[in-house]
């Protein structure tokens, strides 16, 4: 039996993971801004603790962890799932829109992670799973600022994996592609207030694509939730787990482009080291 703490558990991936974990006999601490929405779907359950949590509130994160450990005694798996998207060109994104996005997607993830890690360090076991995106590995027009939050999550997770490995704790960043959730709905996706006509061919086209793709995405959210349980059970989990055929294709494309550019610019790349010291005559 594992004890999970899942943020953003009122719908989407978080809710599906919570349901499957409960079904197999695990304990679940499901956090959301409105925990009643979790209970409405999952019902009262002796192994379910639904808690209110705004991840941008560091004190609230600490309180949630205190309540979780008081109820279940430990936390084995943290799933940092809370987050939302911002669609717009980098130039169109206001300072306030960027700040709010980072408060949830990056600083909120850090708040919850810092609150949970003392528990895992005492246990000398645990698994931190951070939900990123293919947009955290490869940038897209219109998703630059959102993707930058996920690039940050990727870097944080890679460092965490190295820092925590000697303590018996794992860290994995999960990179879903386009899954058939509500991510492209207004409930999960914000658009920049500013729209600049010069970006019509790039960002404007992406806005149209996002509207058309909503609820037509290739990924099956239930299968992602199943994969998350497999990940949590792995003895040697990966640091990075891409999910979805679209993610795998994009990841390989990005790696090819980076390798090709590296070869083209290798002479310049290697030209900036200090020359070997010339021995005195």
Protein backbone atom coordinates (compact mmCIF):
# COMPACT_ATOMS: atom_id res chain seq x y z
CA UNK A 1 0.00 0.00 0.00
CA UNK A 2 1.32 3.42 -1.02
CA UNK A 3 0.19 6.84 0.16
CA UNK A 4 -0.15 9.40 -2.62
CA UNK A 5 -0.39 13.18 -2.40
CA UNK A 6 -1.79 14.59 -5.64
CA UNK A 7 -2.21 18.27 -6.44
CA UNK A 8 -4.85 19.45 -8.89
CA UNK A 9 -6.87 16.31 -8.16
CA UNK A 10 -10.35 17.65 -8.86
CA UNK A 11 -10.31 16.70 -12.56
CA UNK A 12 -8.17 15.55 -15.44
CA UNK A 13 -5.04 13.52 -14.82
CA UNK A 14 -5.07 14.15 -11.08
CA UNK A 15 -8.56 12.80 -10.59
CA UNK A 16 -7.94 9.72 -12.74
CA UNK A 17 -4.73 8.88 -10.90
CA UNK A 18 -6.51 9.26 -7.56
CA UNK A 19 -9.33 6.96 -8.66
CA UNK A 20 -7.00 4.22 -9.87
CA UNK A 21 -4.78 4.43 -6.79
CA UNK A 22 -7.82 4.07 -4.52
CA UNK A 23 -9.16 1.18 -6.60
CA UNK A 24 -6.02 -0.85 -6.08
CA UNK A 25 -5.94 -0.26 -2.32
CA UNK A 26 -3.64 2.75 -1.89
CA UNK A 27 -4.20 5.78 0.32
CA UNK A 28 -4.78 9.06 -1.51
CA UNK A 29 -4.47 12.64 -0.33
CA UNK A 30 -6.27 14.52 -3.09
CA UNK A 31 -5.76 18.28 -2.98
CA UNK A 32 -7.62 20.92 -4.92
CA UNK A 33 -8.80 24.50 -4.52
CA UNK A 34 -12.30 23.05 -4.06
CA UNK A 35 -11.91 19.60 -2.46
CA UNK A 36 -15.69 19.10 -2.51
CA UNK A 37 -15.34 18.56 -6.25
CA UNK A 38 -13.10 15.56 -5.53
CA UNK A 39 -15.63 14.09 -3.10
CA UNK A 40 -18.48 14.63 -5.55
CA UNK A 41 -16.74 12.35 -8.04
CA UNK A 42 -14.96 9.83 -5.79
CA UNK A 43 -17.32 9.87 -2.81
CA UNK A 44 -16.38 9.42 0.82
CA UNK A 45 -13.73 6.74 1.25
CA UNK A 46 -11.73 5.56 4.27
CA UNK A 47 -8.50 5.75 2.27
CA UNK A 48 -9.23 9.16 0.73
CA UNK A 49 -8.39 12.50 2.32
CA UNK A 50 -9.57 15.45 0.23
CA UNK A 51 -7.90 18.70 1.27
CA UNK A 52 -8.11 22.32 0.14
CA UNK A 53 -4.86 23.55 -1.34
CA UNK A 54 -3.85 26.56 -3.38
CA UNK A 55 -0.31 25.55 -4.31
CA UNK A 56 0.78 29.19 -4.46
CA UNK A 57 0.28 29.37 -0.66
CA UNK A 58 3.40 27.91 0.97
CA UNK A 59 1.78 27.79 4.41
CA UNK A 60 -1.21 25.90 3.01
CA UNK A 61 1.13 23.35 1.42
CA UNK A 62 2.80 22.73 4.78
CA UNK A 63 -0.61 22.35 6.45
CA UNK A 64 -1.73 19.83 3.83
CA UNK A 65 1.37 17.71 4.42
CA UNK A 66 0.83 17.85 8.19
CA UNK A 67 -2.76 16.66 7.77
CA UNK A 68 -1.70 13.95 5.32
CA UNK A 69 0.91 12.48 7.65
CA UNK A 70 -1.41 12.77 10.65
CA UNK A 71 -3.96 10.66 8.76
CA UNK A 72 -1.75 8.12 6.97
CA UNK A 73 1.66 8.39 8.64
CA UNK A 74 3.73 8.77 5.47
CA UNK A 75 3.80 10.02 1.88
CA UNK A 76 5.23 7.65 -0.72
CA UNK A 77 4.34 9.40 -3.97
CA UNK A 78 3.97 13.12 -4.64
CA UNK A 79 2.32 14.02 -7.95
CA UNK A 80 2.76 17.71 -8.74
CA UNK A 81 -0.08 17.97 -11.23
CA UNK A 82 -1.61 21.40 -10.53
CA UNK A 83 -1.07 23.90 -13.31
CA UNK A 84 -2.62 25.69 -16.25
CA UNK A 85 -1.72 26.91 -19.72
CA UNK A 86 -1.19 30.32 -21.29
CA UNK A 87 -1.62 30.70 -25.05
CA UNK A 88 -0.04 33.73 -26.67
CA UNK A 89 3.15 35.06 -28.19
CA UNK A 90 6.00 35.87 -25.85
CA UNK A 91 5.63 39.56 -26.71
CA UNK A 92 1.87 39.41 -26.11
CA UNK A 93 2.34 38.00 -22.59
CA UNK A 94 2.08 40.71 -19.95
CA UNK A 95 4.27 40.76 -16.85
CA UNK A 96 1.24 39.97 -14.69
CA UNK A 97 0.12 37.05 -16.87
CA UNK A 98 3.64 35.60 -16.76
CA UNK A 99 3.92 36.13 -13.01
CA UNK A 100 0.62 34.37 -12.27
CA UNK A 101 1.59 31.42 -14.47
CA UNK A 102 4.94 30.98 -12.73
CA UNK A 103 3.31 31.30 -9.31
CA UNK A 104 1.29 28.15 -10.00
CA UNK A 105 3.34 26.08 -12.45
CA UNK A 106 6.79 26.61 -10.93
CA UNK A 107 6.69 28.28 -7.51
CA UNK A 108 3.61 26.27 -6.51
CA UNK A 109 5.34 23.03 -7.46
CA UNK A 110 8.34 24.09 -5.37
CA UNK A 111 6.11 24.98 -2.40
CA UNK A 112 4.56 21.52 -2.31
CA UNK A 113 7.83 19.72 -3.00
CA UNK A 114 9.61 21.53 -0.16
CA UNK A 115 6.75 20.64 2.16
CA UNK A 116 6.82 16.92 1.28
CA UNK A 117 10.55 16.23 1.08
CA UNK A 118 11.22 16.33 4.85
CA UNK A 119 8.72 13.46 5.20
CA UNK A 120 10.39 11.46 2.44
CA UNK A 121 13.86 12.15 3.84
CA UNK A 122 12.82 10.80 7.23
CA UNK A 123 11.44 7.70 5.51
CA UNK A 124 14.50 7.41 3.25
CA UNK A 125 12.05 6.58 0.50
CA UNK A 126 9.58 8.23 -1.82
CA UNK A 127 8.98 9.35 -5.39
CA UNK A 128 8.43 12.92 -6.60
CA UNK A 129 6.59 12.93 -9.93
CA UNK A 130 6.34 16.29 -11.68
CA UNK A 131 3.92 16.69 -14.58
CA UNK A 132 5.57 18.62 -17.38
CA UNK A 133 4.68 18.54 -21.09
CA UNK A 134 6.26 17.93 -24.44
CA UNK A 135 6.26 21.75 -24.39
CA UNK A 136 8.86 21.48 -21.65
CA UNK A 137 11.23 19.70 -24.04
CA UNK A 138 10.42 21.36 -27.36
CA UNK A 139 9.08 24.89 -27.82
CA UNK A 140 6.05 25.79 -29.94
CA UNK A 141 4.84 29.17 -31.22
CA UNK A 142 2.17 30.51 -28.91
CA UNK A 143 3.29 28.38 -26.02
CA UNK A 144 6.61 30.05 -25.26
CA UNK A 145 5.86 31.33 -21.75
CA UNK A 146 3.85 28.26 -20.76
CA UNK A 147 6.60 26.03 -22.14
CA UNK A 148 9.19 27.99 -20.19
CA UNK A 149 7.46 27.01 -16.95
CA UNK A 150 7.69 23.37 -17.99
CA UNK A 151 11.33 23.77 -19.06
CA UNK A 152 11.88 24.99 -15.50
CA UNK A 153 10.13 21.91 -14.11
CA UNK A 154 12.39 19.70 -16.25
CA UNK A 155 15.54 21.31 -14.87
CA UNK A 156 14.28 21.21 -11.29
CA UNK A 157 13.43 17.53 -11.61
CA UNK A 158 16.77 16.54 -13.14
CA UNK A 159 18.59 18.22 -10.25
CA UNK A 160 16.22 16.71 -7.70
CA UNK A 161 16.87 13.23 -9.06
CA UNK A 162 20.59 13.68 -8.48
CA UNK A 163 20.19 15.29 -5.05
CA UNK A 164 17.69 12.73 -3.75
CA UNK A 165 19.16 9.53 -5.18
CA UNK A 166 21.58 8.96 -2.24
CA UNK A 167 18.61 9.33 0.14
CA UNK A 168 16.57 6.55 -1.47
CA UNK A 169 14.14 9.00 -3.09
CA UNK A 170 13.34 9.15 -6.81
CA UNK A 171 12.30 12.09 -8.99
CA UNK A 172 10.70 11.82 -12.43
CA UNK A 173 9.42 14.43 -14.85
CA UNK A 174 6.50 13.20 -16.97
CA UNK A 175 6.06 14.70 -20.45
CA UNK A 176 2.55 14.15 -21.79
CA UNK A 177 1.74 15.09 -25.34
CA UNK A 178 -1.78 16.13 -26.31
CA UNK A 179 -4.29 14.15 -24.25
CA UNK A 180 -8.06 14.35 -24.43
CA UNK A 181 -8.58 16.36 -21.24
CA UNK A 182 -9.99 19.84 -20.59
CA UNK A 183 -6.54 21.43 -20.94
CA UNK A 184 -7.59 23.39 -24.04
CA UNK A 185 -10.84 24.55 -22.38
CA UNK A 186 -11.12 27.98 -20.80
CA UNK A 187 -11.21 26.23 -17.40
CA UNK A 188 -7.55 25.21 -17.82
CA UNK A 189 -6.20 27.49 -20.52
CA UNK A 190 -5.77 31.26 -20.43
CA UNK A 191 -5.07 33.39 -23.47
CA UNK A 192 -3.11 36.59 -23.41
CA UNK A 193 -5.21 39.73 -23.30
CA UNK A 194 -3.05 41.27 -26.01
CA UNK A 195 -3.19 40.02 -29.59
CA UNK A 196 -0.66 41.38 -32.12
CA UNK A 197 -1.62 41.03 -35.78
CA UNK A 198 1.97 40.49 -36.90
CA UNK A 199 1.87 37.05 -35.23
CA UNK A 200 -1.23 35.88 -37.13
CA UNK A 201 0.69 33.36 -39.23
CA UNK A 202 2.32 31.68 -36.22
CA UNK A 203 0.54 32.29 -32.94
CA UNK A 204 -2.77 33.05 -34.63
CA UNK A 205 -2.58 29.73 -36.45
CA UNK A 206 -1.82 28.00 -33.15
CA UNK A 207 -4.90 29.57 -31.56
CA UNK A 208 -7.01 28.16 -34.37
CA UNK A 209 -5.37 24.75 -34.04
CA UNK A 210 -5.97 24.68 -30.27
CA UNK A 211 -9.67 25.39 -30.76
CA UNK A 212 -10.00 22.67 -33.38
CA UNK A 213 -7.99 20.11 -31.40
CA UNK A 214 -9.94 20.49 -28.16
CA UNK A 215 -11.24 17.03 -27.16
CA UNK A 216 -9.80 15.57 -30.36
CA UNK A 217 -6.32 14.95 -28.94
CA UNK A 218 -4.76 11.51 -29.56
CA UNK A 219 -3.82 10.69 -25.95
CA UNK A 220 -6.09 8.64 -23.66
CA UNK A 221 -6.06 10.15 -20.12
CA UNK A 222 -7.04 6.83 -18.53
CA UNK A 223 -4.02 5.12 -20.08
CA UNK A 224 -1.81 7.91 -18.77
CA UNK A 225 -3.15 7.27 -15.27
CA UNK A 226 -2.35 3.57 -15.64
CA UNK A 227 1.17 4.49 -16.74
CA UNK A 228 1.55 6.68 -13.65
CA UNK A 229 0.84 3.72 -11.37
CA UNK A 230 3.43 1.67 -13.25
CA UNK A 231 5.89 4.53 -12.81
CA UNK A 232 5.21 4.76 -9.08
CA UNK A 233 5.84 1.01 -8.72
CA UNK A 234 9.10 0.97 -10.67
CA UNK A 235 12.19 -0.09 -8.74
CA UNK A 236 14.41 2.06 -10.98
CA UNK A 237 12.14 4.76 -12.42
CA UNK A 238 13.40 7.01 -15.21
CA UNK A 239 14.24 10.66 -14.66
CA UNK A 240 12.19 11.54 -17.75
CA UNK A 241 9.08 9.72 -19.01
CA UNK A 242 7.53 10.89 -22.30
CA UNK A 243 3.93 9.75 -22.79
CA UNK A 244 2.12 9.62 -26.11
CA UNK A 245 3.18 8.85 -29.68
CA UNK A 246 3.16 12.56 -30.51
CA UNK A 247 5.57 13.24 -27.65
CA UNK A 248 7.93 10.46 -28.74
CA UNK A 249 7.96 11.80 -32.33
CA UNK A 250 8.61 15.39 -31.21
CA UNK A 251 11.29 14.33 -28.76
CA UNK A 252 13.16 12.47 -31.49
CA UNK A 253 12.74 15.41 -33.88
CA UNK A 254 14.18 17.83 -31.32
CA UNK A 255 17.15 15.54 -30.65
CA UNK A 256 17.90 15.29 -34.38
CA UNK A 257 17.77 19.07 -34.81
CA UNK A 258 20.05 19.68 -31.83
CA UNK A 259 22.54 17.06 -33.03
CA UNK A 260 22.54 18.50 -36.56
CA UNK A 261 23.12 22.06 -35.33
CA UNK A 262 25.88 20.86 -33.02
CA UNK A 263 27.70 19.22 -35.93
CA UNK A 264 27.29 22.32 -38.14
CA UNK A 265 28.67 24.63 -35.45
CA UNK A 266 31.17 22.26 -33.84
CA UNK A 267 34.23 24.28 -34.85
CA UNK A 268 32.82 27.42 -33.26
CA UNK A 269 31.56 25.49 -30.23
CA UNK A 270 35.06 24.15 -29.57
CA UNK A 271 36.87 27.40 -30.37
CA UNK A 272 36.23 29.21 -27.10
CA UNK A 273 38.42 27.28 -24.66
CA UNK A 274 41.65 28.84 -23.35
CA UNK A 275 44.67 28.02 -25.50
CA UNK A 276 47.10 25.63 -23.88
CA UNK A 277 49.71 27.50 -21.90
CA UNK A 278 52.90 27.97 -23.91
CA UNK A 279 55.90 26.76 -21.88
CA UNK A 280 58.49 29.42 -21.12
CA UNK A 281 61.69 29.14 -23.19
